[in-house]
Amino acid sequence: MSCSKILQEKGYRLTPQRIMVLDALHSVDQHISAEEIFEKVRARYSYANISTIYRTLELLKELGLVSEIDLGDGRIRYHSAEKGHHHHLICSKCGNVIDLEEHILFPLKEILLNDYEFEADLKHLAIFGLCENCRNVK
């Protein structure tokens, strides 16, 4: 079900600003920051303000419609939940981002539950380390 339909079903109005935030989220394949969303919205609606973008993103996050992640560059980025769960390996040295398939984390989730009685929510995860190129640089 689309984000717009979920918002409507939960009684939230589809304001032009919310629709533009959703459009910005869905217009990119990668993660997008609030500032980048603001730039896209402001290009269409010059009266937009950044606080509206943050409030909308917070609402979408509370409703499970977006996930947020810190990819190590000091900016929180967002990803539409409609595009599925995925995870990242991030090189701390060069910043290279490698996508990690979700099924690889299933054993970790089981270990955390069985050994630590902790049910992990592994919807969007970033693991920092060194990529092959940076490890091999002498």
N, C-alpha and C. Protein backbone atom coordinates (compact mmCIF):
# COMPACT_ATOMS: atom_id res chain seq x y z
N MET A 1 0.85 -1.17 0.00
CA MET A 1 0.00 0.00 0.00
C MET A 1 0.90 1.24 0.00
N SER A 2 0.48 2.26 -0.71
CA SER A 2 1.30 3.46 -0.85
C SER A 2 1.29 4.30 0.43
N CYS A 3 2.32 5.10 0.57
CA CYS A 3 2.42 6.01 1.72
C CYS A 3 1.21 6.93 1.79
N SER A 4 0.79 7.45 0.65
CA SER A 4 -0.35 8.37 0.61
C SER A 4 -1.61 7.70 1.15
N LYS A 5 -1.85 6.47 0.73
CA LYS A 5 -3.05 5.75 1.19
C LYS A 5 -2.98 5.49 2.69
N ILE A 6 -1.82 5.12 3.19
CA ILE A 6 -1.66 4.85 4.62
C ILE A 6 -1.90 6.13 5.42
N LEU A 7 -1.35 7.24 4.97
CA LEU A 7 -1.58 8.51 5.67
C LEU A 7 -3.08 8.83 5.72
N GLN A 8 -3.76 8.67 4.60
CA GLN A 8 -5.19 8.96 4.55
C GLN A 8 -5.97 8.02 5.48
N GLU A 9 -5.64 6.73 5.45
CA GLU A 9 -6.34 5.76 6.29
C GLU A 9 -6.15 6.05 7.76
N LYS A 10 -5.01 6.62 8.12
CA LYS A 10 -4.74 6.95 9.52
C LYS A 10 -5.26 8.32 9.90
N GLY A 11 -5.95 8.99 8.96
CA GLY A 11 -6.59 10.26 9.26
C GLY A 11 -5.73 11.49 9.06
N TYR A 12 -4.59 11.35 8.40
CA TYR A 12 -3.72 12.50 8.14
C TYR A 12 -4.08 13.12 6.80
N ARG A 13 -4.05 14.44 6.76
CA ARG A 13 -4.33 15.14 5.52
C ARG A 13 -3.14 15.03 4.57
N LEU A 14 -3.45 14.95 3.30
CA LEU A 14 -2.40 14.94 2.28
C LEU A 14 -2.18 16.37 1.81
N THR A 15 -1.42 17.11 2.60
CA THR A 15 -1.13 18.49 2.25
C THR A 15 -0.17 18.51 1.06
N PRO A 16 -0.15 19.62 0.35
CA PRO A 16 0.81 19.70 -0.78
C PRO A 16 2.26 19.46 -0.33
N GLN A 17 2.61 19.97 0.85
CA GLN A 17 3.98 19.77 1.35
C GLN A 17 4.26 18.29 1.61
N ARG A 18 3.32 17.57 2.20
CA ARG A 18 3.53 16.14 2.46
C ARG A 18 3.66 15.37 1.15
N ILE A 19 2.82 15.73 0.19
CA ILE A 19 2.89 15.06 -1.11
C ILE A 19 4.25 15.32 -1.76
N MET A 20 4.76 16.55 -1.66
CA MET A 20 6.07 16.87 -2.24
C MET A 20 7.20 16.14 -1.53
N VAL A 21 7.10 15.97 -0.21
CA VAL A 21 8.11 15.20 0.53
C VAL A 21 8.08 13.75 0.06
N LEU A 22 6.89 13.18 -0.05
CA LEU A 22 6.76 11.80 -0.54
C LEU A 22 7.32 11.68 -1.95
N ASP A 23 7.01 12.64 -2.80
CA ASP A 23 7.53 12.62 -4.18
C ASP A 23 9.05 12.65 -4.17
N ALA A 24 9.63 13.49 -3.33
CA ALA A 24 11.10 13.58 -3.26
C ALA A 24 11.70 12.27 -2.79
N LEU A 25 11.08 11.64 -1.79
CA LEU A 25 11.58 10.35 -1.29
C LEU A 25 11.53 9.28 -2.36
N HIS A 26 10.46 9.29 -3.14
CA HIS A 26 10.28 8.26 -4.15
C HIS A 26 11.01 8.56 -5.46
N SER A 27 11.53 9.77 -5.61
CA SER A 27 12.19 10.15 -6.85
C SER A 27 13.65 9.70 -6.93
N VAL A 28 14.18 9.21 -5.83
CA VAL A 28 15.59 8.79 -5.81
C VAL A 28 15.70 7.32 -5.45
N ASP A 29 16.75 6.70 -5.94
CA ASP A 29 16.99 5.29 -5.61
C ASP A 29 17.85 5.14 -4.37
N GLN A 30 18.64 6.15 -4.08
CA GLN A 30 19.52 6.10 -2.92
C GLN A 30 18.86 6.80 -1.73
N HIS A 31 19.59 6.91 -0.65
CA HIS A 31 19.10 7.62 0.54
C HIS A 31 19.18 9.12 0.29
N ILE A 32 18.30 9.84 0.96
CA ILE A 32 18.23 11.27 0.75
C ILE A 32 18.12 11.97 2.10
N SER A 33 18.82 13.07 2.25
CA SER A 33 18.80 13.82 3.51
C SER A 33 17.61 14.78 3.53
N ALA A 34 17.28 15.28 4.70
CA ALA A 34 16.20 16.26 4.83
C ALA A 34 16.54 17.52 4.03
N GLU A 35 17.80 17.89 4.02
CA GLU A 35 18.22 19.07 3.27
C GLU A 35 18.03 18.88 1.78
N GLU A 36 18.32 17.67 1.29
CA GLU A 36 18.14 17.38 -0.13
C GLU A 36 16.65 17.35 -0.49
N ILE A 37 15.84 16.81 0.41
CA ILE A 37 14.39 16.82 0.21
C ILE A 37 13.91 18.27 0.17
N PHE A 38 14.40 19.07 1.10
CA PHE A 38 14.02 20.49 1.15
C PHE A 38 14.34 21.19 -0.17
N GLU A 39 15.51 20.92 -0.73
CA GLU A 39 15.88 21.53 -2.01
C GLU A 39 14.90 21.14 -3.12
N LYS A 40 14.52 19.86 -3.15
CA LYS A 40 13.56 19.40 -4.16
C LYS A 40 12.18 20.04 -3.97
N VAL A 41 11.74 20.11 -2.72
CA VAL A 41 10.43 20.70 -2.43
C VAL A 41 10.46 22.19 -2.73
N ARG A 42 11.50 22.85 -2.32
CA ARG A 42 11.59 24.31 -2.50
C ARG A 42 11.64 24.69 -3.99
N ALA A 43 12.18 23.81 -4.81
CA ALA A 43 12.21 24.07 -6.25
C ALA A 43 10.79 24.12 -6.83
N ARG A 44 9.87 23.41 -6.20
CA ARG A 44 8.48 23.39 -6.67
C ARG A 44 7.59 24.35 -5.90
N TYR A 45 7.97 24.62 -4.65
CA TYR A 45 7.14 25.43 -3.77
C TYR A 45 8.05 26.33 -2.96
N SER A 46 8.21 27.56 -3.41
CA SER A 46 9.22 28.46 -2.83
C SER A 46 8.95 28.84 -1.38
N TYR A 47 7.73 28.63 -0.89
CA TYR A 47 7.40 29.00 0.49
C TYR A 47 7.65 27.86 1.48
N ALA A 48 8.16 26.76 1.02
CA ALA A 48 8.44 25.63 1.92
C ALA A 48 9.49 26.01 2.95
N ASN A 49 9.40 25.39 4.12
CA ASN A 49 10.46 25.61 5.11
C ASN A 49 10.95 24.28 5.64
N ILE A 50 12.17 24.29 6.11
CA ILE A 50 12.83 23.04 6.52
C ILE A 50 12.13 22.38 7.70
N SER A 51 11.52 23.17 8.58
CA SER A 51 10.84 22.56 9.73
C SER A 51 9.67 21.69 9.29
N THR A 52 8.99 22.07 8.22
CA THR A 52 7.90 21.25 7.68
C THR A 52 8.45 19.92 7.17
N ILE A 53 9.61 19.97 6.55
CA ILE A 53 10.24 18.75 6.04
C ILE A 53 10.57 17.82 7.21
N TYR A 54 11.18 18.36 8.26
CA TYR A 54 11.54 17.54 9.42
C TYR A 54 10.30 16.97 10.10
N ARG A 55 9.26 17.77 10.26
CA ARG A 55 8.02 17.27 10.88
C ARG A 55 7.39 16.15 10.05
N THR A 56 7.39 16.33 8.75
CA THR A 56 6.83 15.32 7.87
C THR A 56 7.64 14.03 7.93
N LEU A 57 8.96 14.16 7.91
CA LEU A 57 9.81 12.97 8.01
C LEU A 57 9.63 12.26 9.34
N GLU A 58 9.48 13.02 10.41
CA GLU A 58 9.25 12.42 11.73
C GLU A 58 7.93 11.65 11.75
N LEU A 59 6.89 12.22 11.18
CA LEU A 59 5.60 11.53 11.09
C LEU A 59 5.73 10.26 10.27
N LEU A 60 6.37 10.35 9.11
CA LEU A 60 6.54 9.18 8.26
C LEU A 60 7.35 8.09 8.96
N LYS A 61 8.34 8.51 9.74
CA LYS A 61 9.15 7.54 10.50
C LYS A 61 8.30 6.86 11.58
N GLU A 62 7.51 7.65 12.31
CA GLU A 62 6.63 7.09 13.36
C GLU A 62 5.65 6.08 12.78
N LEU A 63 5.19 6.32 11.57
CA LEU A 63 4.23 5.43 10.92
C LEU A 63 4.90 4.26 10.20
N GLY A 64 6.23 4.22 10.25
CA GLY A 64 6.96 3.12 9.61
C GLY A 64 7.03 3.24 8.10
N LEU A 65 6.84 4.44 7.58
CA LEU A 65 6.83 4.63 6.14
C LEU A 65 8.21 5.02 5.59
N VAL A 66 9.09 5.47 6.46
CA VAL A 66 10.47 5.73 6.07
C VAL A 66 11.37 5.19 7.17
N SER A 67 12.57 4.86 6.78
CA SER A 67 13.58 4.51 7.78
C SER A 67 14.69 5.53 7.65
N GLU A 68 15.39 5.74 8.75
CA GLU A 68 16.49 6.69 8.71
C GLU A 68 17.78 5.96 9.04
N ILE A 69 18.87 6.50 8.51
CA ILE A 69 20.15 5.86 8.72
C ILE A 69 21.24 6.93 8.69
N ASP A 70 22.28 6.71 9.46
CA ASP A 70 23.46 7.56 9.46
C ASP A 70 24.54 6.79 8.71
N LEU A 71 24.93 7.28 7.55
CA LEU A 71 25.94 6.61 6.75
C LEU A 71 27.34 7.12 7.05
N GLY A 72 27.48 7.82 8.17
CA GLY A 72 28.79 8.24 8.63
C GLY A 72 29.26 9.58 8.10
N ASP A 73 28.41 10.30 7.38
CA ASP A 73 28.83 11.59 6.83
C ASP A 73 28.26 12.76 7.62
N GLY A 74 27.68 12.47 8.79
CA GLY A 74 27.16 13.53 9.64
C GLY A 74 25.75 13.97 9.30
N ARG A 75 25.12 13.33 8.34
CA ARG A 75 23.75 13.66 7.95
C ARG A 75 22.88 12.42 8.07
N ILE A 76 21.74 12.60 8.66
CA ILE A 76 20.76 11.52 8.69
C ILE A 76 20.12 11.47 7.32
N ARG A 77 19.97 10.27 6.80
CA ARG A 77 19.36 10.09 5.49
C ARG A 77 18.13 9.21 5.63
N TYR A 78 17.25 9.33 4.66
CA TYR A 78 15.96 8.65 4.71
C TYR A 78 15.77 7.78 3.48
N HIS A 79 14.96 6.75 3.68
CA HIS A 79 14.69 5.79 2.62
C HIS A 79 13.25 5.33 2.77
N SER A 80 12.51 5.33 1.69
CA SER A 80 11.11 4.90 1.73
C SER A 80 11.01 3.42 2.07
N ALA A 81 10.17 3.09 3.02
CA ALA A 81 9.97 1.69 3.40
C ALA A 81 9.37 0.89 2.25
N GLU A 82 8.68 1.56 1.35
CA GLU A 82 8.10 0.87 0.19
C GLU A 82 9.18 0.24 -0.68
N LYS A 83 10.38 0.77 -0.61
CA LYS A 83 11.48 0.26 -1.44
C LYS A 83 12.18 -0.92 -0.78
N GLY A 84 11.70 -1.36 0.38
CA GLY A 84 12.24 -2.55 1.02
C GLY A 84 13.38 -2.27 1.98
N HIS A 85 13.72 -3.31 2.73
CA HIS A 85 14.81 -3.23 3.70
C HIS A 85 16.12 -3.58 3.02
N HIS A 86 17.14 -2.88 3.39
CA HIS A 86 18.47 -3.23 2.93
C HIS A 86 19.48 -2.65 3.92
N HIS A 87 20.68 -3.13 3.82
CA HIS A 87 21.71 -2.80 4.80
C HIS A 87 22.99 -2.41 4.06
N HIS A 88 23.92 -1.83 4.81
CA HIS A 88 25.11 -1.29 4.17
C HIS A 88 26.37 -1.62 4.94
N LEU A 89 27.43 -1.85 4.19
CA LEU A 89 28.78 -1.91 4.73
C LEU A 89 29.44 -0.61 4.28
N ILE A 90 29.97 0.14 5.22
CA ILE A 90 30.51 1.46 4.90
C ILE A 90 31.98 1.52 5.30
N CYS A 91 32.81 1.87 4.34
CA CYS A 91 34.24 1.98 4.61
C CYS A 91 34.50 3.28 5.37
N SER A 92 35.11 3.14 6.53
CA SER A 92 35.40 4.30 7.38
C SER A 92 36.51 5.17 6.80
N LYS A 93 37.28 4.61 5.87
CA LYS A 93 38.39 5.37 5.31
C LYS A 93 37.99 6.11 4.04
N CYS A 94 37.43 5.41 3.06
CA CYS A 94 37.13 6.05 1.77
C CYS A 94 35.65 6.39 1.60
N GLY A 95 34.79 5.89 2.48
CA GLY A 95 33.38 6.20 2.41
C GLY A 95 32.59 5.34 1.44
N ASN A 96 33.23 4.36 0.83
CA ASN A 96 32.53 3.46 -0.10
C ASN A 96 31.38 2.76 0.63
N VAL A 97 30.23 2.67 -0.05
CA VAL A 97 29.05 2.02 0.53
C VAL A 97 28.74 0.79 -0.30
N ILE A 98 28.66 -0.36 0.37
CA ILE A 98 28.34 -1.62 -0.27
C ILE A 98 27.01 -2.10 0.29
N ASP A 99 26.06 -2.38 -0.60
CA ASP A 99 24.77 -2.90 -0.14
C ASP A 99 24.93 -4.32 0.34
N LEU A 100 24.23 -4.65 1.42
CA LEU A 100 24.28 -5.96 2.04
C LEU A 100 22.88 -6.55 2.02
N GLU A 101 22.75 -7.75 1.50
CA GLU A 101 21.44 -8.41 1.43
C GLU A 101 20.93 -8.74 2.82
N GLU A 102 19.62 -8.60 3.01
CA GLU A 102 19.00 -8.79 4.33
C GLU A 102 19.19 -10.21 4.86
N HIS A 103 19.13 -11.21 3.99
CA HIS A 103 19.20 -12.60 4.45
C HIS A 103 20.51 -12.92 5.17
N ILE A 104 21.55 -12.16 4.91
CA ILE A 104 22.84 -12.38 5.57
C ILE A 104 22.74 -12.12 7.07
N LEU A 105 21.80 -11.27 7.46
CA LEU A 105 21.66 -10.92 8.88
C LEU A 105 20.73 -11.85 9.66
N PHE A 106 20.04 -12.76 8.98
CA PHE A 106 19.13 -13.67 9.68
C PHE A 106 19.82 -14.46 10.79
N PRO A 107 21.02 -15.02 10.54
CA PRO A 107 21.70 -15.73 11.65
C PRO A 107 21.99 -14.82 12.85
N LEU A 108 22.38 -13.58 12.59
CA LEU A 108 22.65 -12.63 13.68
C LEU A 108 21.38 -12.40 14.49
N LYS A 109 20.27 -12.23 13.81
CA LYS A 109 19.00 -12.00 14.50
C LYS A 109 18.64 -13.18 15.40
N GLU A 110 18.87 -14.38 14.90
CA GLU A 110 18.60 -15.59 15.70
C GLU A 110 19.53 -15.69 16.91
N ILE A 111 20.80 -15.39 16.71
CA ILE A 111 21.77 -15.44 17.81
C ILE A 111 21.39 -14.43 18.89
N LEU A 112 21.02 -13.22 18.49
CA LEU A 112 20.63 -12.20 19.46
C LEU A 112 19.40 -12.63 20.25
N LEU A 113 18.47 -13.28 19.59
CA LEU A 113 17.26 -13.74 20.27
C LEU A 113 17.57 -14.91 21.19
N ASN A 114 18.28 -15.90 20.69
CA ASN A 114 18.55 -17.12 21.48
C ASN A 114 19.57 -16.90 22.60
N ASP A 115 20.65 -16.21 22.32
CA ASP A 115 21.72 -16.06 23.31
C ASP A 115 21.53 -14.87 24.25
N TYR A 116 20.85 -13.84 23.77
CA TYR A 116 20.71 -12.62 24.57
C TYR A 116 19.27 -12.27 24.90
N GLU A 117 18.33 -13.10 24.41
CA GLU A 117 16.90 -12.84 24.60
C GLU A 117 16.55 -11.42 24.18
N PHE A 118 17.13 -11.03 23.05
CA PHE A 118 16.94 -9.69 22.50
C PHE A 118 16.41 -9.82 21.09
N GLU A 119 15.21 -9.28 20.86
CA GLU A 119 14.63 -9.33 19.52
C GLU A 119 15.02 -8.07 18.77
N ALA A 120 15.95 -8.23 17.84
CA ALA A 120 16.51 -7.09 17.10
C ALA A 120 15.60 -6.70 15.95
N ASP A 121 15.50 -5.40 15.74
CA ASP A 121 14.77 -4.85 14.61
C ASP A 121 15.81 -4.44 13.57
N LEU A 122 16.09 -5.33 12.66
CA LEU A 122 17.16 -5.11 11.69
C LEU A 122 16.59 -4.67 10.35
N LYS A 123 15.87 -3.57 10.36
CA LYS A 123 15.26 -3.08 9.12
C LYS A 123 16.25 -2.31 8.27
N HIS A 124 17.13 -1.58 8.90
CA HIS A 124 18.05 -0.73 8.16
C HIS A 124 19.31 -0.59 9.00
N LEU A 125 20.37 -1.16 8.54
CA LEU A 125 21.57 -1.25 9.36
C LEU A 125 22.79 -0.81 8.56
N ALA A 126 23.70 -0.09 9.22
CA ALA A 126 24.97 0.30 8.62
C ALA A 126 26.09 -0.28 9.49
N ILE A 127 27.01 -0.98 8.85
CA ILE A 127 28.16 -1.56 9.55
C ILE A 127 29.40 -0.89 8.99
N PHE A 128 30.19 -0.31 9.88
CA PHE A 128 31.39 0.41 9.48
C PHE A 128 32.62 -0.47 9.61
N GLY A 129 33.56 -0.30 8.72
CA GLY A 129 34.80 -1.05 8.72
C GLY A 129 35.67 -0.56 7.58
N LEU A 130 36.52 -1.44 7.06
CA LEU A 130 37.40 -1.09 5.95
C LEU A 130 37.11 -1.98 4.75
N CYS A 131 36.97 -1.35 3.59
CA CYS A 131 36.72 -2.11 2.37
C CYS A 131 38.02 -2.80 1.94
N GLU A 132 37.90 -3.68 0.96
CA GLU A 132 39.05 -4.44 0.48
C GLU A 132 40.17 -3.52 0.01
N ASN A 133 39.84 -2.48 -0.75
CA ASN A 133 40.87 -1.57 -1.27
C ASN A 133 41.62 -0.88 -0.14
N CYS A 134 40.92 -0.39 0.86
CA CYS A 134 41.57 0.32 1.96
C CYS A 134 42.37 -0.61 2.86
N ARG A 135 41.92 -1.85 2.99
CA ARG A 135 42.67 -2.82 3.81
C ARG A 135 43.99 -3.19 3.13
N ASN A 136 44.00 -3.17 1.81
CA ASN A 136 45.19 -3.60 1.05
C ASN A 136 46.17 -2.49 0.77
N VAL A 137 45.82 -1.25 1.12
CA VAL A 137 46.73 -0.11 0.91
C VAL A 137 47.82 -0.17 1.98
N LYS A 138 49.05 -0.15 1.56
CA LYS A 138 50.16 -0.22 2.52
C LYS A 138 50.74 1.13 2.74
